């Protein structure tokens, strides 16, 4: 009886080896061994049409050249939105170096633009913003660094774009804000890609290389849309 059991177990092991081992070997060769495990959960899809997740809020502020800029100045353009402040000692320098990367990638695209809203307008006057823009290498004429009424800026951030901004004397720099970028299409819609579960990512990581590469890919898609 025991011999029959051993034979049966050996047969099962043999069948398993014939069926599954070649598949495992192929997955290892293809570097695809974690496709279904936790390492790839939430991986963003780039091969599908971008989702529309809302309408960009209206605004009117003053830019670094003392010009009045509204959302209508961005009509017909693909643009990226961020909230920052010039004296930020933490994430803003990273965000704006990455934004320069994006600017330079699309330097020959007149229908690409950027909107950077300061959350410290008391300090960040047009003159301060102009100096900051020159320091970082802003060359795109459609990159507006915007300042104005603080309450309106905070309402735009927290309600208009749902990108958090707040005052906090306890943190370095005195202000808190999101490090994410919002992507707006030529018709004024907030756009994004899906994650691997089909959920919208909504915003792009402004301080991470993978977020910058994602938004560059998606800007290129939107620039081709009519």
C-alpha atoms as a PDB file:
ATOM      1  CA  UNK A   1       0.000   0.000   0.000  1.00  0.00           C
ATOM      2  CA  UNK A   2       2.838   2.346   0.897  1.00  0.00           C
ATOM      3  CA  UNK A   3       4.551   1.643  -2.408  1.00  0.00           C
ATOM      4  CA  UNK A   4       1.379   2.643  -4.285  1.00  0.00           C
ATOM      5  CA  UNK A   5       1.229   5.919  -2.333  1.00  0.00           C
ATOM      6  CA  UNK A   6       4.834   6.714  -3.208  1.00  0.00           C
ATOM      7  CA  UNK A   7       4.168   5.969  -6.856  1.00  0.00           C
ATOM      8  CA  UNK A   8       1.110   8.258  -6.839  1.00  0.00           C
ATOM      9  CA  UNK A   9       2.997  11.114  -5.154  1.00  0.00           C
ATOM     10  CA  UNK A  10       5.880  10.732  -7.609  1.00  0.00           C
ATOM     11  CA  UNK A  11       3.427  10.877 -10.499  1.00  0.00           C
ATOM     12  CA  UNK A  12       1.902  14.150  -9.182  1.00  0.00           C
ATOM     13  CA  UNK A  13       5.362  15.704  -8.735  1.00  0.00           C
ATOM     14  CA  UNK A  14       6.302  14.665 -12.273  1.00  0.00           C
ATOM     15  CA  UNK A  15       3.134  16.198 -13.757  1.00  0.00           C
ATOM     16  CA  UNK A  16       3.656  19.435 -11.787  1.00  0.00           C
ATOM     17  CA  UNK A  17       7.210  19.664 -13.086  1.00  0.00           C
ATOM     18  CA  UNK A  18       6.198  19.109 -16.685  1.00  0.00           C
ATOM     19  CA  UNK A  19       3.415  21.731 -16.569  1.00  0.00           C
ATOM     20  CA  UNK A  20       4.671  24.512 -14.303  1.00  0.00           C
ATOM     21  CA  UNK A  21       8.477  24.539 -14.242  1.00  0.00           C
ATOM     22  CA  UNK A  22       8.815  25.730 -17.888  1.00  0.00           C
ATOM     23  CA  UNK A  23       6.382  28.565 -17.119  1.00  0.00           C
ATOM     24  CA  UNK A  24       8.366  29.611 -14.058  1.00  0.00           C
ATOM     25  CA  UNK A  25      11.616  29.531 -16.043  1.00  0.00           C
ATOM     26  CA  UNK A  26      10.080  31.671 -18.785  1.00  0.00           C
ATOM     27  CA  UNK A  27       8.840  34.252 -16.272  1.00  0.00           C
ATOM     28  CA  UNK A  28      12.316  34.500 -14.767  1.00  0.00           C
ATOM     29  CA  UNK A  29      13.826  34.934 -18.230  1.00  0.00           C
ATOM     30  CA  UNK A  30      11.298  37.671 -19.009  1.00  0.00           C
ATOM     31  CA  UNK A  31      11.952  39.401 -15.652  1.00  0.00           C
ATOM     32  CA  UNK A  32       8.243  39.006 -14.990  1.00  0.00           C
ATOM     33  CA  UNK A  33       8.307  36.942 -11.859  1.00  0.00           C
ATOM     34  CA  UNK A  34       6.481  39.551  -9.728  1.00  0.00           C
ATOM     35  CA  UNK A  35       3.724  40.558 -12.137  1.00  0.00           C
ATOM     36  CA  UNK A  36       0.994  39.463  -9.780  1.00  0.00           C
ATOM     37  CA  UNK A  37       2.639  40.128  -6.459  1.00  0.00           C
ATOM     38  CA  UNK A  38       2.826  43.161  -4.210  1.00  0.00           C
ATOM     39  CA  UNK A  39       5.783  44.721  -6.027  1.00  0.00           C
ATOM     40  CA  UNK A  40       3.659  45.696  -8.998  1.00  0.00           C
ATOM     41  CA  UNK A  41       0.416  46.567  -7.264  1.00  0.00           C
ATOM     42  CA  UNK A  42      -0.749  49.996  -8.354  1.00  0.00           C
ATOM     43  CA  UNK A  43       1.641  50.309 -11.279  1.00  0.00           C
ATOM     44  CA  UNK A  44       0.335  53.076 -13.525  1.00  0.00           C
ATOM     45  CA  UNK A  45      -0.788  52.349 -17.070  1.00  0.00           C
ATOM     46  CA  UNK A  46       0.550  54.530 -19.854  1.00  0.00           C
ATOM     47  CA  UNK A  47      -0.946  52.784 -22.887  1.00  0.00           C
ATOM     48  CA  UNK A  48      -4.522  54.019 -22.568  1.00  0.00           C
ATOM     49  CA  UNK A  49      -6.353  57.266 -23.190  1.00  0.00           C
ATOM     50  CA  UNK A  50      -6.074  59.624 -20.237  1.00  0.00           C
ATOM     51  CA  UNK A  51      -9.021  60.021 -17.899  1.00  0.00           C
ATOM     52  CA  UNK A  52     -10.858  63.296 -17.305  1.00  0.00           C
ATOM     53  CA  UNK A  53     -11.251  63.751 -13.548  1.00  0.00           C
ATOM     54  CA  UNK A  54     -12.721  67.250 -13.342  1.00  0.00           C
ATOM     55  CA  UNK A  55     -12.620  70.818 -14.575  1.00  0.00           C
ATOM     56  CA  UNK A  56      -9.717  73.080 -13.675  1.00  0.00           C
ATOM     57  CA  UNK A  57     -10.736  75.983 -11.447  1.00  0.00           C
ATOM     58  CA  UNK A  58     -10.881  79.560 -12.697  1.00  0.00           C
ATOM     59  CA  UNK A  59      -8.318  82.046 -11.366  1.00  0.00           C
ATOM     60  CA  UNK A  60      -6.875  85.525 -11.804  1.00  0.00           C
ATOM     61  CA  UNK A  61      -3.509  86.562 -10.365  1.00  0.00           C
ATOM     62  CA  UNK A  62      -0.375  88.585 -11.125  1.00  0.00           C
ATOM     63  CA  UNK A  63       2.691  86.919 -12.600  1.00  0.00           C
ATOM     64  CA  UNK A  64       6.425  87.580 -12.240  1.00  0.00           C
ATOM     65  CA  UNK A  65       6.226  90.266 -14.928  1.00  0.00           C
ATOM     66  CA  UNK A  66       3.402  92.135 -13.197  1.00  0.00           C
ATOM     67  CA  UNK A  67       0.921  90.973 -15.830  1.00  0.00           C
ATOM     68  CA  UNK A  68      -2.597  89.866 -14.915  1.00  0.00           C
ATOM     69  CA  UNK A  69      -2.985  86.199 -15.816  1.00  0.00           C
ATOM     70  CA  UNK A  70      -6.226  84.196 -15.749  1.00  0.00           C
ATOM     71  CA  UNK A  71      -7.172  80.656 -16.652  1.00  0.00           C
ATOM     72  CA  UNK A  72      -8.264  82.014 -20.040  1.00  0.00           C
ATOM     73  CA  UNK A  73      -4.596  82.660 -20.856  1.00  0.00           C
ATOM     74  CA  UNK A  74      -4.133  78.887 -20.686  1.00  0.00           C
ATOM     75  CA  UNK A  75      -6.957  78.022 -23.065  1.00  0.00           C
ATOM     76  CA  UNK A  76      -5.699  75.941 -25.985  1.00  0.00           C
ATOM     77  CA  UNK A  77      -2.614  74.916 -24.003  1.00  0.00           C
ATOM     78  CA  UNK A  78      -1.628  71.820 -22.054  1.00  0.00           C
ATOM     79  CA  UNK A  79      -0.344  72.967 -18.686  1.00  0.00           C
ATOM     80  CA  UNK A  80       0.961  71.759 -15.343  1.00  0.00           C
ATOM     81  CA  UNK A  81      -0.127  73.250 -12.005  1.00  0.00           C
ATOM     82  CA  UNK A  82       1.895  73.370  -8.789  1.00  0.00           C
ATOM     83  CA  UNK A  83       1.772  75.201  -5.450  1.00  0.00           C
ATOM     84  CA  UNK A  84       5.071  76.330  -3.907  1.00  0.00           C
ATOM     85  CA  UNK A  85       6.843  79.244  -2.195  1.00  0.00           C
ATOM     86  CA  UNK A  86      10.220  80.769  -2.913  1.00  0.00           C
ATOM     87  CA  UNK A  87      11.682  80.399   0.589  1.00  0.00           C
ATOM     88  CA  UNK A  88      10.685  76.733   0.867  1.00  0.00           C
ATOM     89  CA  UNK A  89      13.664  74.810   2.299  1.00  0.00           C
ATOM     90  CA  UNK A  90      12.372  71.309   1.582  1.00  0.00           C
ATOM     91  CA  UNK A  91      10.442  70.041  -1.442  1.00  0.00           C
ATOM     92  CA  UNK A  92      10.001  73.178  -3.585  1.00  0.00           C
ATOM     93  CA  UNK A  93      13.577  73.225  -4.943  1.00  0.00           C
ATOM     94  CA  UNK A  94      13.130  69.598  -6.025  1.00  0.00           C
ATOM     95  CA  UNK A  95       9.721  70.313  -7.555  1.00  0.00           C
ATOM     96  CA  UNK A  96      10.992  73.271  -9.549  1.00  0.00           C
ATOM     97  CA  UNK A  97      14.153  71.536 -10.739  1.00  0.00           C
ATOM     98  CA  UNK A  98      11.845  68.810 -11.998  1.00  0.00           C
ATOM     99  CA  UNK A  99       9.562  71.424 -13.539  1.00  0.00           C
ATOM    100  CA  UNK A 100      12.588  72.871 -15.371  1.00  0.00           C
ATOM    101  CA  UNK A 101      13.223  69.350 -16.677  1.00  0.00           C
ATOM    102  CA  UNK A 102       9.649  69.262 -17.983  1.00  0.00           C
ATOM    103  CA  UNK A 103       9.934  72.779 -19.443  1.00  0.00           C
ATOM    104  CA  UNK A 104      13.111  71.885 -21.328  1.00  0.00           C
ATOM    105  CA  UNK A 105      11.625  68.646 -22.623  1.00  0.00           C
ATOM    106  CA  UNK A 106       8.870  70.661 -24.335  1.00  0.00           C
ATOM    107  CA  UNK A 107      10.881  73.775 -25.186  1.00  0.00           C
ATOM    108  CA  UNK A 108       9.684  73.830 -28.805  1.00  0.00           C
ATOM    109  CA  UNK A 109       6.017  73.449 -27.919  1.00  0.00           C
ATOM    110  CA  UNK A 110       4.243  76.842 -27.829  1.00  0.00           C
ATOM    111  CA  UNK A 111       1.053  75.122 -26.625  1.00  0.00           C
ATOM    112  CA  UNK A 112       2.708  73.882 -23.434  1.00  0.00           C
ATOM    113  CA  UNK A 113       2.519  76.011 -20.264  1.00  0.00           C
ATOM    114  CA  UNK A 114       3.054  75.945 -16.494  1.00  0.00           C
ATOM    115  CA  UNK A 115       1.178  77.651 -13.637  1.00  0.00           C
ATOM    116  CA  UNK A 116       3.086  77.982 -10.354  1.00  0.00           C
ATOM    117  CA  UNK A 117       1.087  79.529  -7.501  1.00  0.00           C
ATOM    118  CA  UNK A 118       2.918  80.821  -4.449  1.00  0.00           C
ATOM    119  CA  UNK A 119       1.339  80.052  -1.071  1.00  0.00           C
ATOM    120  CA  UNK A 120       3.347  82.863   0.560  1.00  0.00           C
ATOM    121  CA  UNK A 121       2.197  85.912  -1.422  1.00  0.00           C
ATOM    122  CA  UNK A 122       3.172  88.330   1.356  1.00  0.00           C
ATOM    123  CA  UNK A 123       6.816  87.565   0.620  1.00  0.00           C
ATOM    124  CA  UNK A 124       6.561  86.402  -2.976  1.00  0.00           C
ATOM    125  CA  UNK A 125       5.928  89.627  -4.843  1.00  0.00           C
ATOM    126  CA  UNK A 126       6.276  89.750  -8.656  1.00  0.00           C
ATOM    127  CA  UNK A 127       9.834  91.017  -8.189  1.00  0.00           C
ATOM    128  CA  UNK A 128      10.738  88.107  -5.896  1.00  0.00           C
ATOM    129  CA  UNK A 129       9.103  85.623  -8.264  1.00  0.00           C
ATOM    130  CA  UNK A 130      10.988  87.059 -11.244  1.00  0.00           C
ATOM    131  CA  UNK A 131      14.310  86.659  -9.472  1.00  0.00           C
ATOM    132  CA  UNK A 132      13.347  83.111  -8.480  1.00  0.00           C
ATOM    133  CA  UNK A 133      12.365  82.296 -12.074  1.00  0.00           C
ATOM    134  CA  UNK A 134      15.702  83.587 -13.370  1.00  0.00           C
ATOM    135  CA  UNK A 135      17.581  81.616 -10.720  1.00  0.00           C
ATOM    136  CA  UNK A 136      15.957  78.333 -11.761  1.00  0.00           C
ATOM    137  CA  UNK A 137      16.169  78.953 -15.490  1.00  0.00           C
ATOM    138  CA  UNK A 138      12.569  79.649 -16.484  1.00  0.00           C
ATOM    139  CA  UNK A 139      12.548  80.370 -20.217  1.00  0.00           C
ATOM    140  CA  UNK A 140       9.067  79.309 -21.323  1.00  0.00           C
ATOM    141  CA  UNK A 141       7.025  82.516 -21.848  1.00  0.00           C
ATOM    142  CA  UNK A 142       3.952  80.509 -20.835  1.00  0.00           C
ATOM    143  CA  UNK A 143       5.365  79.647 -17.397  1.00  0.00           C
ATOM    144  CA  UNK A 144       3.645  82.067 -15.045  1.00  0.00           C
ATOM    145  CA  UNK A 145       4.625  82.274 -11.375  1.00  0.00           C
ATOM    146  CA  UNK A 146       1.521  83.709  -9.794  1.00  0.00           C
ATOM    147  CA  UNK A 147       0.850  85.739  -6.672  1.00  0.00           C
ATOM    148  CA  UNK A 148      -2.071  87.662  -5.209  1.00  0.00           C
ATOM    149  CA  UNK A 149      -4.656  87.450  -2.456  1.00  0.00           C
ATOM    150  CA  UNK A 150      -3.647  84.730  -0.005  1.00  0.00           C
ATOM    151  CA  UNK A 151      -7.184  83.535   0.766  1.00  0.00           C
ATOM    152  CA  UNK A 152      -7.961  83.163  -2.924  1.00  0.00           C
ATOM    153  CA  UNK A 153      -4.756  81.196  -3.505  1.00  0.00           C
ATOM    154  CA  UNK A 154      -5.514  78.850  -0.610  1.00  0.00           C
ATOM    155  CA  UNK A 155      -9.072  78.360  -1.809  1.00  0.00           C
ATOM    156  CA  UNK A 156      -7.763  77.585  -5.278  1.00  0.00           C
ATOM    157  CA  UNK A 157      -5.305  75.041  -3.879  1.00  0.00           C
ATOM    158  CA  UNK A 158      -7.552  73.293  -1.368  1.00  0.00           C
ATOM    159  CA  UNK A 159     -10.898  73.487  -3.136  1.00  0.00           C
ATOM    160  CA  UNK A 160     -10.163  74.265  -6.781  1.00  0.00           C
ATOM    161  CA  UNK A 161      -7.445  71.677  -7.335  1.00  0.00           C
ATOM    162  CA  UNK A 162      -7.548  69.658  -4.089  1.00  0.00           C
ATOM    163  CA  UNK A 163      -3.809  70.131  -3.718  1.00  0.00           C
ATOM    164  CA  UNK A 164      -3.233  70.845  -0.037  1.00  0.00           C
ATOM    165  CA  UNK A 165      -1.692  74.132   1.097  1.00  0.00           C
ATOM    166  CA  UNK A 166      -1.623  75.507   4.638  1.00  0.00           C
ATOM    167  CA  UNK A 167       0.215  77.637   7.178  1.00  0.00           C
ATOM    168  CA  UNK A 168       2.034  75.749   9.921  1.00  0.00           C
ATOM    169  CA  UNK A 169       4.533  77.634  12.122  1.00  0.00           C
ATOM    170  CA  UNK A 170       5.701  74.291  13.544  1.00  0.00           C
ATOM    171  CA  UNK A 171       7.229  73.040  10.295  1.00  0.00           C
ATOM    172  CA  UNK A 172      10.406  74.156   8.569  1.00  0.00           C
ATOM    173  CA  UNK A 173       9.622  77.114   6.347  1.00  0.00           C
ATOM    174  CA  UNK A 174       6.286  77.836   8.055  1.00  0.00           C
ATOM    175  CA  UNK A 175       4.073  76.399   5.314  1.00  0.00           C
ATOM    176  CA  UNK A 176       2.840  72.985   4.225  1.00  0.00           C
ATOM    177  CA  UNK A 177       1.772  72.011   0.725  1.00  0.00           C
ATOM    178  CA  UNK A 178       1.379  69.111  -1.659  1.00  0.00           C
ATOM    179  CA  UNK A 179       4.335  68.007  -3.742  1.00  0.00           C
ATOM    180  CA  UNK A 180       2.041  66.846  -6.523  1.00  0.00           C
ATOM    181  CA  UNK A 181       1.513  68.267 -10.018  1.00  0.00           C
ATOM    182  CA  UNK A 182      -1.866  68.562 -11.741  1.00  0.00           C
ATOM    183  CA  UNK A 183      -2.113  68.111 -15.504  1.00  0.00           C
ATOM    184  CA  UNK A 184      -4.624  70.195 -17.487  1.00  0.00           C
ATOM    185  CA  UNK A 185      -5.581  69.678 -21.128  1.00  0.00           C
ATOM    186  CA  UNK A 186      -6.270  72.254 -23.843  1.00  0.00           C
ATOM    187  CA  UNK A 187      -9.957  72.426 -22.898  1.00  0.00           C
ATOM    188  CA  UNK A 188      -9.317  73.087 -19.220  1.00  0.00           C
ATOM    189  CA  UNK A 189      -9.925  69.554 -17.948  1.00  0.00           C
ATOM    190  CA  UNK A 190      -7.834  67.867 -15.265  1.00  0.00           C
ATOM    191  CA  UNK A 191      -6.448  64.692 -16.837  1.00  0.00           C
ATOM    192  CA  UNK A 192      -4.540  61.656 -15.578  1.00  0.00           C
ATOM    193  CA  UNK A 193      -3.813  57.996 -16.258  1.00  0.00           C
ATOM    194  CA  UNK A 194      -5.147  54.883 -14.515  1.00  0.00           C
ATOM    195  CA  UNK A 195      -3.309  52.659 -12.080  1.00  0.00           C
ATOM    196  CA  UNK A 196      -3.233  48.887 -12.598  1.00  0.00           C
ATOM    197  CA  UNK A 197      -6.627  48.543 -10.901  1.00  0.00           C
ATOM    198  CA  UNK A 198      -8.271  51.035 -13.231  1.00  0.00           C
ATOM    199  CA  UNK A 199      -8.384  53.828 -10.652  1.00  0.00           C
ATOM    200  CA  UNK A 200      -7.354  57.400 -11.589  1.00  0.00           C
ATOM    201  CA  UNK A 201      -4.036  58.506 -10.120  1.00  0.00           C
ATOM    202  CA  UNK A 202      -5.381  62.120 -10.401  1.00  0.00           C
ATOM    203  CA  UNK A 203      -2.033  63.825  -9.633  1.00  0.00           C
ATOM    204  CA  UNK A 204       1.618  63.228 -10.452  1.00  0.00           C
ATOM    205  CA  UNK A 205       4.541  63.029  -8.003  1.00  0.00           C
ATOM    206  CA  UNK A 206       6.458  66.260  -8.391  1.00  0.00           C
ATOM    207  CA  UNK A 207       9.426  65.177  -6.292  1.00  0.00           C
ATOM    208  CA  UNK A 208       9.955  61.701  -7.743  1.00  0.00           C
ATOM    209  CA  UNK A 209      11.659  60.817 -11.022  1.00  0.00           C
ATOM    210  CA  UNK A 210       8.967  58.310 -11.965  1.00  0.00           C
ATOM    211  CA  UNK A 211       6.287  60.992 -11.510  1.00  0.00           C
ATOM    212  CA  UNK A 212       8.194  63.379 -13.762  1.00  0.00           C
ATOM    213  CA  UNK A 213       8.583  60.741 -16.470  1.00  0.00           C
ATOM    214  CA  UNK A 214       4.893  59.851 -16.240  1.00  0.00           C
ATOM    215  CA  UNK A 215       3.711  63.432 -16.622  1.00  0.00           C
ATOM    216  CA  UNK A 216       6.092  64.015 -19.550  1.00  0.00           C
ATOM    217  CA  UNK A 217       4.597  61.004 -21.325  1.00  0.00           C
ATOM    218  CA  UNK A 218       1.087  62.251 -20.670  1.00  0.00           C
ATOM    219  CA  UNK A 219       1.801  65.861 -21.666  1.00  0.00           C
ATOM    220  CA  UNK A 220       3.027  64.511 -25.004  1.00  0.00           C
ATOM    221  CA  UNK A 221      -0.267  62.643 -25.438  1.00  0.00           C
ATOM    222  CA  UNK A 222      -2.369  65.701 -24.653  1.00  0.00           C
ATOM    223  CA  UNK A 223      -0.371  67.933 -26.992  1.00  0.00           C
ATOM    224  CA  UNK A 224      -1.456  65.647 -29.837  1.00  0.00           C
ATOM    225  CA  UNK A 225      -5.139  65.943 -28.944  1.00  0.00           C
ATOM    226  CA  UNK A 226      -7.253  68.444 -30.873  1.00  0.00           C
END
